[in-house]
C-alpha cells in the first residue's frame, strides 16, 4: 500500500499510512518482542484485514526460530 507513496515524507502521510510506516519500522528491526496496541487505529478496515494475517505469520515465524 505504501509503495506508491515511497517518495513522500512520512510526516505528510495520512494517519493510517503513518501507522503502517511505524509497524513496518518495528518489523524490520526484527524485535524479540512486539507489543501492538490499537492496531486498527487510523487504518481502513481493508488494511486491517490484510495486516492481521501478516502479523500472525510473523508470530509463527518467531515461534519457529525460538
Protein backbone atom coordinates (compact mmCIF):
# COMPACT_ATOMS: atom_id res chain seq x y z
CA UNK A 1 0.00 0.00 0.00
CA UNK A 2 2.82 2.41 0.74
CA UNK A 3 4.84 1.63 -2.39
CA UNK A 4 3.08 4.35 -4.36
CA UNK A 5 3.87 6.85 -1.57
CA UNK A 6 7.57 5.96 -1.34
CA UNK A 7 8.77 9.46 -2.26
CA UNK A 8 6.51 11.24 0.24
CA UNK A 9 7.86 12.31 3.63
CA UNK A 10 6.30 10.28 6.45
CA UNK A 11 5.06 13.46 8.13
CA UNK A 12 2.94 14.19 5.06
CA UNK A 13 1.27 10.78 5.04
CA UNK A 14 -2.22 10.21 6.40
CA UNK A 15 -2.61 8.90 9.93
CA UNK A 16 -3.28 5.39 8.66
CA UNK A 17 -0.25 5.50 6.38
CA UNK A 18 1.88 6.69 9.29
CA UNK A 19 0.62 3.75 11.35
CA UNK A 20 1.74 1.39 8.57
CA UNK A 21 5.19 3.04 8.50
CA UNK A 22 5.56 2.62 12.27
CA UNK A 23 4.59 -1.05 12.08
CA UNK A 24 6.98 -1.63 9.17
CA UNK A 25 9.81 0.03 11.10
CA UNK A 26 9.12 -2.21 14.06
CA UNK A 27 9.08 -5.38 11.96
CA UNK A 28 12.25 -4.50 10.03
CA UNK A 29 14.21 -4.29 13.26
CA UNK A 30 13.30 -7.94 14.00
CA UNK A 31 12.45 -7.33 17.66
CA UNK A 32 12.38 -10.15 20.17
CA UNK A 33 9.02 -8.84 21.40
CA UNK A 34 6.49 -6.63 19.66
CA UNK A 35 3.60 -5.12 21.57
CA UNK A 36 0.89 -3.82 19.26
CA UNK A 37 -1.74 -1.57 20.81
CA UNK A 38 -4.75 -0.43 18.80
CA UNK A 39 -3.63 -1.91 15.51
CA UNK A 40 -6.69 -0.64 13.70
CA UNK A 41 -6.34 2.98 14.87
CA UNK A 42 -6.44 5.18 11.78
CA UNK A 43 -6.41 2.27 9.35
CA UNK A 44 -9.09 1.38 6.85
CA UNK A 45 -10.80 -1.94 7.61
CA UNK A 46 -9.44 -3.45 4.41
CA UNK A 47 -5.87 -2.67 5.55
CA UNK A 48 -6.51 -4.16 8.99
CA UNK A 49 -7.81 -7.32 7.32
CA UNK A 50 -4.58 -7.51 5.31
CA UNK A 51 -2.35 -6.84 8.33
CA UNK A 52 -3.76 -9.47 10.65
CA UNK A 53 -2.56 -12.45 8.57
CA UNK A 54 0.86 -10.82 8.20
CA UNK A 55 1.18 -10.36 11.95
CA UNK A 56 0.12 -13.96 12.52
CA UNK A 57 2.75 -15.09 10.02
CA UNK A 58 5.42 -13.04 11.80
CA UNK A 59 4.35 -14.56 15.11
CA UNK A 60 4.56 -18.11 13.70
CA UNK A 61 7.97 -17.42 12.22
CA UNK A 62 9.19 -16.07 15.55
CA UNK A 63 7.97 -19.19 17.37
CA UNK A 64 9.73 -21.44 14.86
CA UNK A 65 13.01 -19.57 15.39
CA UNK A 66 12.91 -19.78 19.18
